[in-house]
Amino acid sequence: MLGAPLQWTGERSYVVRLRRHGVFQEEDLAALEAQLGRVESYPAGKDLALVGAPPMFLLAGWACLARSLRDGRRQILAFLLPGDAVGFDLLTRSQRGVEAVALTPLKVRYAQSGFTAGGERLPRAFAAAAAAQHGRMIDQIVRLGRQTAYERMAHLLLELHARLAEIGEVRGEHFHLPIKQEILADALGLSLVHVNRTLQQMRRDGLIDMRGSQMTLLDRPALEAASDQSS
């Protein structure tokens, strides 16, 4: 028997994300919480150990999964945002040549040894979250393989806005984009100059507004048309 109901004031971002993939009872969330352990903070630029490390949830900050070449070039494979689970599925488990890097100051919470998503509802939620991650990886392949720089940028901005909206980190069409253009270049397979020119063109076209690290999507229909998405 459970005691007094748990108080999920300002629910943890990982709980908010998992709730999008299933309806939970209080005992499900209590079981999840009981299997989570230490909280760690890392500075921007820190490589996060994946090999031999337990799975984790991002509590705050941005990270990425990336593959680096010997000459220093890097391809970002996926952005990891607050609430994302890392190490619970095939795409985010440690793989040869794939690194996890903190793009901003980062706070994570690790699962305890022997973590299991017991019951019926939690495993379904984790499976749905993994399927969503797989879908974003397919989008990334299409972006890099078939879209123009303009289309890639529009598609990525819409994706980031949607993912941040899931955890309440947007205000209308406005959101915080705490990464430099060099990071966007690594994610989109473009040069820094090309990224800058693309963003400036989108500003001139009235699609976006940038003020420092603040991004506003001004014309969603045009962005969706450019990225081959629809509402």
Foldseek 3Di string as FASTA:
>chain_A
DDDPQDDQVLHQLLVLLLVVQFDDDSVLVVLQVVQWDDKDKDAAFDWDDQVPFAKKFWRAAKKFKWAADPVGAIATQDIHHHNDIACPDDVRHDDPRIIIGGRHITMMIGGHPPDDSDDDGRVSSVVVSVVVVVVVSVLLCCLQPPADLLLNVLVVLVVVQVVCVSSPQADQQKHFQPHDLVVVCNHRVHDSVSSVVSVVVCVVVQQWDDDPRMIGGRDNVVSCVSNVHDD
